[in-house]
Amino acid sequence: MGIRDEFQKRIDKKQQEIRDLEMKIKEANSYLQALMDSMKWLPREDSSNGSQLLRPGTTLAKAQEAIKKAGHPMHVADILKAIGKPTDKKNKVSLSGSLSGYVRRKEIFTRPAPNTFGLIEMENSENGSIKTTEALELPKNFGAV
């Protein structure tokens, strides 16, 4: 029975090792879930400079550039003039609808007044201090076990 007891000891030891590893996996999964839950609360941002990029040459990209150039929010009619499009009802409705989609998702554009659109980056930079998550950084040992 000495060999049988030796095998049983090895089996018990390996089962304990597996339970320990399973516990570490559960802890790691809990930590991962906590990080994912925390990330949901952070605003989405582009990896380049914190502002989302629009396809170059599109009306929305031109509108973004016009607002940047003006340095303040602009009425939709003024945006259309600045990008060289006619200020008829069709163009106003089209541009307002497109910009409103970004406003609803809180991406790129803001709507400080009816039919007036600005940029989130301009709204965040009051008195030269940017109020974005760029200033927030996780500690170097965050999540270290």
Foldseek 3Di string as FASTA:
>chain_A
DVVVVVVVVVVVVVVVVVVVVVVVVVVVVVVVVVVVVVVVPADDADPPPRADDDPPPDLVNQLLVQQVVVLHWAALQVSCVSSVHHSDPVSLVVVVVVLVVCCVSVHQWHDPDVRIIHGPQSVQQDPNDGDHCPPPDDDPCVPPD
